[in-house]
Amino acid sequence: MARNKAMLETKIGKGPDILDAARFAPHSRKRLSGPGLRTFLTIADLWGGLDEQQRLMVLGLPSRSTYYNWVKAVRERRDITLDVDVLMRLSAVLGIHQAL
């Protein structure tokens, strides 16, 4: 068992021991939100075009107007700051896409 764990750590690298609260600071979320959402929109199209309801579900069911405001802002390259929950959901989609 210890050997398998050591092999995995060698393959993927050891993660952080403690989750740093600075990762959730507004400036960090602002830096990640635009690129993360743009990437999500591209992946959603690549996966056969997730429909609006599916996209809303993945993002935690924001209102349609909120979703379209986010999309408009990131397509115009304006800054947005998504909640931590939404960023975690985007991260999950990016991880799934990378694993495919």
PDB file of N, CA and C in Angstrom:
ATOM      1  N   MET A   1       0.822  -1.197   0.000  1.00  0.00           N
ATOM      2  CA  MET A   1       0.000   0.000   0.000  1.00  0.00           C
ATOM      3  C   MET A   1       0.866   1.261   0.000  1.00  0.00           C
ATOM      4  N   ALA A   2       1.883   1.294   0.864  1.00  0.00           N
ATOM      5  CA  ALA A   2       2.767   2.456   0.931  1.00  0.00           C
ATOM      6  C   ALA A   2       3.520   2.631  -0.386  1.00  0.00           C
ATOM      7  N   ARG A   3       3.865   1.505  -1.002  1.00  0.00           N
ATOM      8  CA  ARG A   3       4.580   1.563  -2.277  1.00  0.00           C
ATOM      9  C   ARG A   3       3.693   2.199  -3.354  1.00  0.00           C
ATOM     10  N   ASN A   4       2.412   1.812  -3.384  1.00  0.00           N
ATOM     11  CA  ASN A   4       1.480   2.384  -4.357  1.00  0.00           C
ATOM     12  C   ASN A   4       1.318   3.885  -4.149  1.00  0.00           C
ATOM     13  N   LYS A   5       1.228   4.296  -2.885  1.00  0.00           N
ATOM     14  CA  LYS A   5       1.086   5.718  -2.583  1.00  0.00           C
ATOM     15  C   LYS A   5       2.320   6.484  -3.048  1.00  0.00           C
ATOM     16  N   ALA A   6       3.492   5.922  -2.797  1.00  0.00           N
ATOM     17  CA  ALA A   6       4.736   6.567  -3.221  1.00  0.00           C
ATOM     18  C   ALA A   6       4.801   6.667  -4.740  1.00  0.00           C
ATOM     19  N   MET A   7       4.338   5.622  -5.434  1.00  0.00           N
ATOM     20  CA  MET A   7       4.336   5.645  -6.895  1.00  0.00           C
ATOM     21  C   MET A   7       3.391   6.728  -7.414  1.00  0.00           C
ATOM     22  N   LEU A   8       2.212   6.851  -6.791  1.00  0.00           N
ATOM     23  CA  LEU A   8       1.261   7.871  -7.207  1.00  0.00           C
ATOM     24  C   LEU A   8       1.821   9.267  -6.984  1.00  0.00           C
ATOM     25  N   GLU A   9       2.443   9.487  -5.820  1.00  0.00           N
ATOM     26  CA  GLU A   9       3.017  10.795  -5.535  1.00  0.00           C
ATOM     27  C   GLU A   9       4.123  11.137  -6.521  1.00  0.00           C
ATOM     28  N   THR A  10       4.863  10.125  -6.947  1.00  0.00           N
ATOM     29  CA  THR A  10       5.915  10.356  -7.922  1.00  0.00           C
ATOM     30  C   THR A  10       5.306  10.728  -9.268  1.00  0.00           C
ATOM     31  N   LYS A  11       4.215  10.052  -9.637  1.00  0.00           N
ATOM     32  CA  LYS A  11       3.567  10.293 -10.920  1.00  0.00           C
ATOM     33  C   LYS A  11       2.885  11.657 -10.989  1.00  0.00           C
ATOM     34  N   ILE A  12       2.093  11.977  -9.969  1.00  0.00           N
ATOM     35  CA  ILE A  12       1.282  13.189 -10.033  1.00  0.00           C
ATOM     36  C   ILE A  12       1.780  14.310  -9.138  1.00  0.00           C
ATOM     37  N   GLY A  13       2.738  14.030  -8.309  1.00  0.00           N
ATOM     38  CA  GLY A  13       3.263  15.064  -7.422  1.00  0.00           C
ATOM     39  C   GLY A  13       2.446  15.164  -6.149  1.00  0.00           C
ATOM     40  N   LYS A  14       3.103  15.581  -5.112  1.00  0.00           N
ATOM     41  CA  LYS A  14       2.436  15.708  -3.824  1.00  0.00           C
ATOM     42  C   LYS A  14       1.675  17.022  -3.798  1.00  0.00           C
ATOM     43  N   GLY A  15       0.435  16.979  -3.398  1.00  0.00           N
ATOM     44  CA  GLY A  15      -0.387  18.178  -3.301  1.00  0.00           C
ATOM     45  C   GLY A  15      -0.068  18.960  -2.046  1.00  0.00           C
ATOM     46  N   PRO A  16      -0.701  20.106  -1.880  1.00  0.00           N
ATOM     47  CA  PRO A  16      -0.455  20.911  -0.688  1.00  0.00           C
ATOM     48  C   PRO A  16      -0.993  20.214   0.559  1.00  0.00           C
ATOM     49  N   ASP A  17      -0.255  20.347   1.663  1.00  0.00           N
ATOM     50  CA  ASP A  17      -0.699  19.747   2.913  1.00  0.00           C
ATOM     51  C   ASP A  17      -1.894  20.492   3.494  1.00  0.00           C
ATOM     52  N   ILE A  18      -1.905  21.794   3.317  1.00  0.00           N
ATOM     53  CA  ILE A  18      -2.974  22.623   3.865  1.00  0.00           C
ATOM     54  C   ILE A  18      -3.536  23.473   2.733  1.00  0.00           C
ATOM     55  N   LEU A  19      -4.847  23.564   2.683  1.00  0.00           N
ATOM     56  CA  LEU A  19      -5.483  24.391   1.673  1.00  0.00           C
ATOM     57  C   LEU A  19      -5.375  25.846   2.110  1.00  0.00           C
ATOM     58  N   ASP A  20      -4.628  26.622   1.386  1.00  0.00           N
ATOM     59  CA  ASP A  20      -4.352  28.014   1.724  1.00  0.00           C
ATOM     60  C   ASP A  20      -5.584  28.879   1.464  1.00  0.00           C
ATOM     61  N   ALA A  21      -5.996  29.637   2.472  1.00  0.00           N
ATOM     62  CA  ALA A  21      -7.175  30.497   2.349  1.00  0.00           C
ATOM     63  C   ALA A  21      -6.989  31.574   1.284  1.00  0.00           C
ATOM     64  N   ALA A  22      -5.749  31.915   0.969  1.00  0.00           N
ATOM     65  CA  ALA A  22      -5.490  32.942  -0.048  1.00  0.00           C
ATOM     66  C   ALA A  22      -6.006  32.519  -1.423  1.00  0.00           C
ATOM     67  N   ARG A  23      -6.160  31.224  -1.616  1.00  0.00           N
ATOM     68  CA  ARG A  23      -6.698  30.748  -2.897  1.00  0.00           C
ATOM     69  C   ARG A  23      -8.113  31.254  -3.139  1.00  0.00           C
ATOM     70  N   PHE A  24      -8.818  31.575  -2.060  1.00  0.00           N
ATOM     71  CA  PHE A  24     -10.210  31.996  -2.174  1.00  0.00           C
ATOM     72  C   PHE A  24     -10.377  33.504  -2.041  1.00  0.00           C
ATOM     73  N   ALA A  25      -9.274  34.230  -2.001  1.00  0.00           N
ATOM     74  CA  ALA A  25      -9.330  35.690  -1.907  1.00  0.00           C
ATOM     75  C   ALA A  25      -9.939  36.258  -3.188  1.00  0.00           C
ATOM     76  N   PRO A  26     -10.620  37.390  -3.075  1.00  0.00           N
ATOM     77  CA  PRO A  26     -11.262  37.971  -4.265  1.00  0.00           C
ATOM     78  C   PRO A  26     -10.319  38.183  -5.447  1.00  0.00           C
ATOM     79  N   HIS A  27      -9.080  38.601  -5.205  1.00  0.00           N
ATOM     80  CA  HIS A  27      -8.170  38.826  -6.336  1.00  0.00           C
ATOM     81  C   HIS A  27      -7.823  37.518  -7.045  1.00  0.00           C
ATOM     82  N   SER A  28      -7.743  36.420  -6.295  1.00  0.00           N
ATOM     83  CA  SER A  28      -7.475  35.114  -6.917  1.00  0.00           C
ATOM     84  C   SER A  28      -8.683  34.644  -7.710  1.00  0.00           C
ATOM     85  N   ARG A  29      -9.868  34.821  -7.137  1.00  0.00           N
ATOM     86  CA  ARG A  29     -11.087  34.415  -7.845  1.00  0.00           C
ATOM     87  C   ARG A  29     -11.284  35.247  -9.109  1.00  0.00           C
ATOM     88  N   LYS A  30     -10.981  36.531  -9.028  1.00  0.00           N
ATOM     89  CA  LYS A  30     -11.112  37.404 -10.196  1.00  0.00           C
ATOM     90  C   LYS A  30     -10.150  36.975 -11.304  1.00  0.00           C
ATOM     91  N   ARG A  31      -8.939  36.606 -10.917  1.00  0.00           N
ATOM     92  CA  ARG A  31      -7.921  36.181 -11.888  1.00  0.00           C
ATOM     93  C   ARG A  31      -8.330  34.898 -12.605  1.00  0.00           C
ATOM     94  N   LEU A  32      -9.023  33.994 -11.909  1.00  0.00           N
ATOM     95  CA  LEU A  32      -9.372  32.685 -12.464  1.00  0.00           C
ATOM     96  C   LEU A  32     -10.743  32.639 -13.144  1.00  0.00           C
ATOM     97  N   SER A  33     -11.634  33.538 -12.779  1.00  0.00           N
ATOM     98  CA  SER A  33     -13.030  33.442 -13.216  1.00  0.00           C
ATOM     99  C   SER A  33     -13.215  33.554 -14.721  1.00  0.00           C
ATOM    100  N   GLY A  34     -12.659  34.578 -15.338  1.00  0.00           N
ATOM    101  CA  GLY A  34     -12.838  34.767 -16.782  1.00  0.00           C
ATOM    102  C   GLY A  34     -12.286  33.613 -17.604  1.00  0.00           C
ATOM    103  N   PRO A  35     -11.002  33.291 -17.424  1.00  0.00           N
ATOM    104  CA  PRO A  35     -10.444  32.167 -18.189  1.00  0.00           C
ATOM    105  C   PRO A  35     -11.155  30.841 -17.897  1.00  0.00           C
ATOM    106  N   GLY A  36     -11.532  30.638 -16.646  1.00  0.00           N
ATOM    107  CA  GLY A  36     -12.215  29.393 -16.286  1.00  0.00           C
ATOM    108  C   GLY A  36     -13.563  29.259 -16.967  1.00  0.00           C
ATOM    109  N   LEU A  37     -14.341  30.339 -16.969  1.00  0.00           N
ATOM    110  CA  LEU A  37     -15.659  30.288 -17.596  1.00  0.00           C
ATOM    111  C   LEU A  37     -15.538  30.178 -19.112  1.00  0.00           C
ATOM    112  N   ARG A  38     -14.596  30.904 -19.712  1.00  0.00           N
ATOM    113  CA  ARG A  38     -14.398  30.778 -21.170  1.00  0.00           C
ATOM    114  C   ARG A  38     -14.020  29.350 -21.552  1.00  0.00           C
ATOM    115  N   THR A  39     -13.170  28.738 -20.762  1.00  0.00           N
ATOM    116  CA  THR A  39     -12.770  27.355 -21.030  1.00  0.00           C
ATOM    117  C   THR A  39     -13.956  26.420 -20.867  1.00  0.00           C
ATOM    118  N   PHE A  40     -14.756  26.635 -19.825  1.00  0.00           N
ATOM    119  CA  PHE A  40     -15.962  25.821 -19.623  1.00  0.00           C
ATOM    120  C   PHE A  40     -16.889  25.925 -20.831  1.00  0.00           C
ATOM    121  N   LEU A  41     -17.107  27.126 -21.333  1.00  0.00           N
ATOM    122  CA  LEU A  41     -18.004  27.306 -22.478  1.00  0.00           C
ATOM    123  C   LEU A  41     -17.487  26.556 -23.705  1.00  0.00           C
ATOM    124  N   THR A  42     -16.187  26.579 -23.907  1.00  0.00           N
ATOM    125  CA  THR A  42     -15.586  25.844 -25.026  1.00  0.00           C
ATOM    126  C   THR A  42     -15.767  24.342 -24.850  1.00  0.00           C
ATOM    127  N   ILE A  43     -15.516  23.850 -23.644  1.00  0.00           N
ATOM    128  CA  ILE A  43     -15.674  22.417 -23.368  1.00  0.00           C
ATOM    129  C   ILE A  43     -17.130  22.005 -23.534  1.00  0.00           C
ATOM    130  N   ALA A  44     -18.054  22.825 -23.053  1.00  0.00           N
ATOM    131  CA  ALA A  44     -19.481  22.509 -23.180  1.00  0.00           C
ATOM    132  C   ALA A  44     -19.872  22.370 -24.648  1.00  0.00           C
ATOM    133  N   ASP A  45     -19.301  23.202 -25.504  1.00  0.00           N
ATOM    134  CA  ASP A  45     -19.559  23.080 -26.945  1.00  0.00           C
ATOM    135  C   ASP A  45     -18.914  21.820 -27.518  1.00  0.00           C
ATOM    136  N   LEU A  46     -17.698  21.521 -27.082  1.00  0.00           N
ATOM    137  CA  LEU A  46     -17.000  20.329 -27.579  1.00  0.00           C
ATOM    138  C   LEU A  46     -17.710  19.037 -27.196  1.00  0.00           C
ATOM    139  N   TRP A  47     -18.360  19.038 -26.054  1.00  0.00           N
ATOM    140  CA  TRP A  47     -19.040  17.835 -25.578  1.00  0.00           C
ATOM    141  C   TRP A  47     -20.399  17.642 -26.248  1.00  0.00           C
ATOM    142  N   GLY A  48     -20.574  18.158 -27.405  1.00  0.00           N
ATOM    143  CA  GLY A  48     -21.825  17.956 -28.120  1.00  0.00           C
ATOM    144  C   GLY A  48     -22.826  19.053 -27.838  1.00  0.00           C
ATOM    145  N   GLY A  49     -22.344  20.153 -27.342  1.00  0.00           N
ATOM    146  CA  GLY A  49     -23.236  21.287 -27.113  1.00  0.00           C
ATOM    147  C   GLY A  49     -24.183  21.070 -25.955  1.00  0.00           C
ATOM    148  N   LEU A  50     -23.671  21.145 -24.746  1.00  0.00           N
ATOM    149  CA  LEU A  50     -24.562  21.078 -23.587  1.00  0.00           C
ATOM    150  C   LEU A  50     -25.607  22.171 -23.733  1.00  0.00           C
ATOM    151  N   ASP A  51     -26.862  21.835 -23.486  1.00  0.00           N
ATOM    152  CA  ASP A  51     -27.894  22.860 -23.625  1.00  0.00           C
ATOM    153  C   ASP A  51     -27.863  23.814 -22.427  1.00  0.00           C
ATOM    154  N   GLU A  52     -28.658  24.848 -22.514  1.00  0.00           N
ATOM    155  CA  GLU A  52     -28.656  25.888 -21.489  1.00  0.00           C
ATOM    156  C   GLU A  52     -28.924  25.331 -20.095  1.00  0.00           C
ATOM    157  N   GLN A  53     -29.922  24.483 -19.975  1.00  0.00           N
ATOM    158  CA  GLN A  53     -30.272  23.933 -18.659  1.00  0.00           C
ATOM    159  C   GLN A  53     -29.124  23.101 -18.084  1.00  0.00           C
ATOM    160  N   GLN A  54     -28.462  22.323 -18.916  1.00  0.00           N
ATOM    161  CA  GLN A  54     -27.326  21.528 -18.447  1.00  0.00           C
ATOM    162  C   GLN A  54     -26.175  22.423 -17.991  1.00  0.00           C
ATOM    163  N   ARG A  55     -25.920  23.477 -18.720  1.00  0.00           N
ATOM    164  CA  ARG A  55     -24.860  24.416 -18.328  1.00  0.00           C
ATOM    165  C   ARG A  55     -25.200  25.083 -17.002  1.00  0.00           C
ATOM    166  N   LEU A  56     -26.448  25.486 -16.857  1.00  0.00           N
ATOM    167  CA  LEU A  56     -26.877  26.106 -15.601  1.00  0.00           C
ATOM    168  C   LEU A  56     -26.736  25.135 -14.436  1.00  0.00           C
ATOM    169  N   MET A  57     -27.082  23.873 -14.663  1.00  0.00           N
ATOM    170  CA  MET A  57     -26.957  22.873 -13.596  1.00  0.00           C
ATOM    171  C   MET A  57     -25.502  22.694 -13.189  1.00  0.00           C
ATOM    172  N   VAL A  58     -24.613  22.600 -14.163  1.00  0.00           N
ATOM    173  CA  VAL A  58     -23.191  22.434 -13.858  1.00  0.00           C
ATOM    174  C   VAL A  58     -22.676  23.621 -13.051  1.00  0.00           C
ATOM    175  N   LEU A  59     -23.159  24.806 -13.345  1.00  0.00           N
ATOM    176  CA  LEU A  59     -22.688  26.018 -12.675  1.00  0.00           C
ATOM    177  C   LEU A  59     -23.392  26.290 -11.346  1.00  0.00           C
ATOM    178  N   GLY A  60     -24.268  25.402 -10.920  1.00  0.00           N
ATOM    179  CA  GLY A  60     -24.921  25.571  -9.622  1.00  0.00           C
ATOM    180  C   GLY A  60     -26.252  26.288  -9.694  1.00  0.00           C
ATOM    181  N   LEU A  61     -26.865  26.291 -10.852  1.00  0.00           N
ATOM    182  CA  LEU A  61     -28.176  26.886 -11.091  1.00  0.00           C
ATOM    183  C   LEU A  61     -28.266  28.379 -10.787  1.00  0.00           C
ATOM    184  N   PRO A  62     -27.365  29.175 -11.368  1.00  0.00           N
ATOM    185  CA  PRO A  62     -27.568  30.625 -11.259  1.00  0.00           C
ATOM    186  C   PRO A  62     -28.785  31.004 -12.098  1.00  0.00           C
ATOM    187  N   SER A  63     -29.324  32.185 -11.899  1.00  0.00           N
ATOM    188  CA  SER A  63     -30.446  32.612 -12.738  1.00  0.00           C
ATOM    189  C   SER A  63     -29.960  32.745 -14.182  1.00  0.00           C
ATOM    190  N   ARG A  64     -30.898  32.665 -15.110  1.00  0.00           N
ATOM    191  CA  ARG A  64     -30.527  32.780 -16.524  1.00  0.00           C
ATOM    192  C   ARG A  64     -29.881  34.128 -16.806  1.00  0.00           C
ATOM    193  N   SER A  65     -30.417  35.183 -16.192  1.00  0.00           N
ATOM    194  CA  SER A  65     -29.849  36.514 -16.437  1.00  0.00           C
ATOM    195  C   SER A  65     -28.421  36.610 -15.903  1.00  0.00           C
ATOM    196  N   THR A  66     -28.167  36.012 -14.748  1.00  0.00           N
ATOM    197  CA  THR A  66     -26.809  35.998 -14.199  1.00  0.00           C
ATOM    198  C   THR A  66     -25.875  35.249 -15.134  1.00  0.00           C
ATOM    199  N   TYR A  67     -26.318  34.073 -15.582  1.00  0.00           N
ATOM    200  CA  TYR A  67     -25.498  33.272 -16.500  1.00  0.00           C
ATOM    201  C   TYR A  67     -25.165  34.066 -17.759  1.00  0.00           C
ATOM    202  N   TYR A  68     -26.162  34.687 -18.378  1.00  0.00           N
ATOM    203  CA  TYR A  68     -25.915  35.422 -19.616  1.00  0.00           C
ATOM    204  C   TYR A  68     -25.070  36.674 -19.383  1.00  0.00           C
ATOM    205  N   ASN A  69     -25.191  37.289 -18.215  1.00  0.00           N
ATOM    206  CA  ASN A  69     -24.304  38.412 -17.885  1.00  0.00           C
ATOM    207  C   ASN A  69     -22.860  37.939 -17.765  1.00  0.00           C
ATOM    208  N   TRP A  70     -22.649  36.776 -17.132  1.00  0.00           N
ATOM    209  CA  TRP A  70     -21.301  36.203 -17.031  1.00  0.00           C
ATOM    210  C   TRP A  70     -20.736  35.929 -18.416  1.00  0.00           C
ATOM    211  N   VAL A  71     -21.540  35.267 -19.249  1.00  0.00           N
ATOM    212  CA  VAL A  71     -21.083  34.887 -20.594  1.00  0.00           C
ATOM    213  C   VAL A  71     -20.738  36.128 -21.414  1.00  0.00           C
ATOM    214  N   LYS A  72     -21.616  37.116 -21.368  1.00  0.00           N
ATOM    215  CA  LYS A  72     -21.365  38.352 -22.115  1.00  0.00           C
ATOM    216  C   LYS A  72     -20.074  39.014 -21.637  1.00  0.00           C
ATOM    217  N   ALA A  73     -19.896  39.080 -20.332  1.00  0.00           N
ATOM    218  CA  ALA A  73     -18.702  39.729 -19.772  1.00  0.00           C
ATOM    219  C   ALA A  73     -17.422  39.012 -20.188  1.00  0.00           C
ATOM    220  N   VAL A  74     -17.402  37.682 -20.099  1.00  0.00           N
ATOM    221  CA  VAL A  74     -16.154  36.974 -20.426  1.00  0.00           C
ATOM    222  C   VAL A  74     -15.875  36.987 -21.924  1.00  0.00           C
ATOM    223  N   ARG A  75     -16.908  37.014 -22.729  1.00  0.00           N
ATOM    224  CA  ARG A  75     -16.688  37.101 -24.182  1.00  0.00           C
ATOM    225  C   ARG A  75     -16.161  38.476 -24.586  1.00  0.00           C
ATOM    226  N   GLU A  76     -16.505  39.488 -23.795  1.00  0.00           N
ATOM    227  CA  GLU A  76     -15.989  40.838 -24.036  1.00  0.00           C
ATOM    228  C   GLU A  76     -14.673  41.073 -23.296  1.00  0.00           C
ATOM    229  N   ARG A  77     -14.156  40.014 -22.668  1.00  0.00           N
ATOM    230  CA  ARG A  77     -12.893  40.065 -21.920  1.00  0.00           C
ATOM    231  C   ARG A  77     -12.944  41.035 -20.736  1.00  0.00           C
ATOM    232  N   ARG A  78     -14.149  41.219 -20.175  1.00  0.00           N
ATOM    233  CA  ARG A  78     -14.272  42.022 -18.959  1.00  0.00           C
ATOM    234  C   ARG A  78     -14.066  41.117 -17.758  1.00  0.00           C
ATOM    235  N   ASP A  79     -13.619  41.705 -16.663  1.00  0.00           N
ATOM    236  CA  ASP A  79     -13.381  40.937 -15.442  1.00  0.00           C
ATOM    237  C   ASP A  79     -14.693  40.584 -14.753  1.00  0.00           C
ATOM    238  N   ILE A  80     -14.748  39.364 -14.247  1.00  0.00           N
ATOM    239  CA  ILE A  80     -15.835  38.934 -13.376  1.00  0.00           C
ATOM    240  C   ILE A  80     -15.191  38.218 -12.195  1.00  0.00           C
ATOM    241  N   THR A  81     -15.943  38.112 -11.113  1.00  0.00           N
ATOM    242  CA  THR A  81     -15.469  37.375  -9.947  1.00  0.00           C
ATOM    243  C   THR A  81     -16.551  36.379  -9.559  1.00  0.00           C
ATOM    244  N   LEU A  82     -16.309  35.119  -9.853  1.00  0.00           N
ATOM    245  CA  LEU A  82     -17.265  34.066  -9.534  1.00  0.00           C
ATOM    246  C   LEU A  82     -17.086  33.614  -8.089  1.00  0.00           C
ATOM    247  N   ASP A  83     -18.159  33.061  -7.520  1.00  0.00           N
ATOM    248  CA  ASP A  83     -18.088  32.495  -6.175  1.00  0.00           C
ATOM    249  C   ASP A  83     -17.182  31.266  -6.175  1.00  0.00           C
ATOM    250  N   VAL A  84     -16.694  30.937  -5.004  1.00  0.00           N
ATOM    251  CA  VAL A  84     -15.824  29.762  -4.850  1.00  0.00           C
ATOM    252  C   VAL A  84     -16.538  28.508  -5.336  1.00  0.00           C
ATOM    253  N   ASP A  85     -17.826  28.378  -5.015  1.00  0.00           N
ATOM    254  CA  ASP A  85     -18.592  27.196  -5.427  1.00  0.00           C
ATOM    255  C   ASP A  85     -18.581  27.036  -6.946  1.00  0.00           C
ATOM    256  N   VAL A  86     -18.791  28.114  -7.657  1.00  0.00           N
ATOM    257  CA  VAL A  86     -18.817  28.053  -9.123  1.00  0.00           C
ATOM    258  C   VAL A  86     -17.429  27.698  -9.656  1.00  0.00           C
ATOM    259  N   LEU A  87     -16.396  28.282  -9.072  1.00  0.00           N
ATOM    260  CA  LEU A  87     -15.032  27.958  -9.509  1.00  0.00           C
ATOM    261  C   LEU A  87     -14.696  26.494  -9.254  1.00  0.00           C
ATOM    262  N   MET A  88     -15.173  25.951  -8.149  1.00  0.00           N
ATOM    263  CA  MET A  88     -14.938  24.529  -7.869  1.00  0.00           C
ATOM    264  C   MET A  88     -15.644  23.658  -8.904  1.00  0.00           C
ATOM    265  N   ARG A  89     -16.839  24.054  -9.291  1.00  0.00           N
ATOM    266  CA  ARG A  89     -17.579  23.312 -10.313  1.00  0.00           C
ATOM    267  C   ARG A  89     -16.854  23.377 -11.657  1.00  0.00           C
ATOM    268  N   LEU A  90     -16.358  24.566 -11.999  1.00  0.00           N
ATOM    269  CA  LEU A  90     -15.584  24.706 -13.240  1.00  0.00           C
ATOM    270  C   LEU A  90     -14.335  23.842 -13.195  1.00  0.00           C
ATOM    271  N   SER A  91     -13.694  23.822 -12.045  1.00  0.00           N
ATOM    272  CA  SER A  91     -12.487  23.011 -11.875  1.00  0.00           C
ATOM    273  C   SER A  91     -12.786  21.534 -12.097  1.00  0.00           C
ATOM    274  N   ALA A  92     -13.938  21.084 -11.609  1.00  0.00           N
ATOM    275  CA  ALA A  92     -14.317  19.678 -11.795  1.00  0.00           C
ATOM    276  C   ALA A  92     -14.496  19.360 -13.278  1.00  0.00           C
ATOM    277  N   VAL A  93     -15.148  20.248 -14.003  1.00  0.00           N
ATOM    278  CA  VAL A  93     -15.344  20.036 -15.444  1.00  0.00           C
ATOM    279  C   VAL A  93     -13.999  20.007 -16.163  1.00  0.00           C
ATOM    280  N   LEU A  94     -13.113  20.933 -15.815  1.00  0.00           N
ATOM    281  CA  LEU A  94     -11.790  20.954 -16.451  1.00  0.00           C
ATOM    282  C   LEU A  94     -11.022  19.670 -16.154  1.00  0.00           C
ATOM    283  N   GLY A  95     -11.136  19.179 -14.930  1.00  0.00           N
ATOM    284  CA  GLY A  95     -10.466  17.930 -14.568  1.00  0.00           C
ATOM    285  C   GLY A  95     -11.014  16.737 -15.331  1.00  0.00           C
ATOM    286  N   ILE A  96     -12.331  16.680 -15.465  1.00  0.00           N
ATOM    287  CA  ILE A  96     -12.957  15.586 -16.225  1.00  0.00           C
ATOM    288  C   ILE A  96     -12.511  15.653 -17.683  1.00  0.00           C
ATOM    289  N   HIS A  97     -12.543  16.848 -18.253  1.00  0.00           N
ATOM    290  CA  HIS A  97     -12.148  17.000 -19.655  1.00  0.00           C
ATOM    291  C   HIS A  97     -10.689  16.595 -19.862  1.00  0.00           C
ATOM    292  N   GLN A  98      -9.839  16.981 -18.937  1.00  0.00           N
ATOM    293  CA  GLN A  98      -8.421  16.636 -19.049  1.00  0.00           C
ATOM    294  C   GLN A  98      -8.217  15.127 -18.964  1.00  0.00           C
ATOM    295  N   ALA A  99      -9.037  14.454 -18.162  1.00  0.00           N
ATOM    296  CA  ALA A  99      -8.883  13.010 -17.975  1.00  0.00           C
ATOM    297  C   ALA A  99      -9.396  12.202 -19.169  1.00  0.00           C
ATOM    298  N   LEU A 100     -10.195  12.826 -20.025  1.00  0.00           N
ATOM    299  CA  LEU A 100     -10.758  12.084 -21.171  1.00  0.00           C
ATOM    300  C   LEU A 100      -9.733  11.833 -22.248  1.00  0.00           C
TER     301      LEU A 100
END
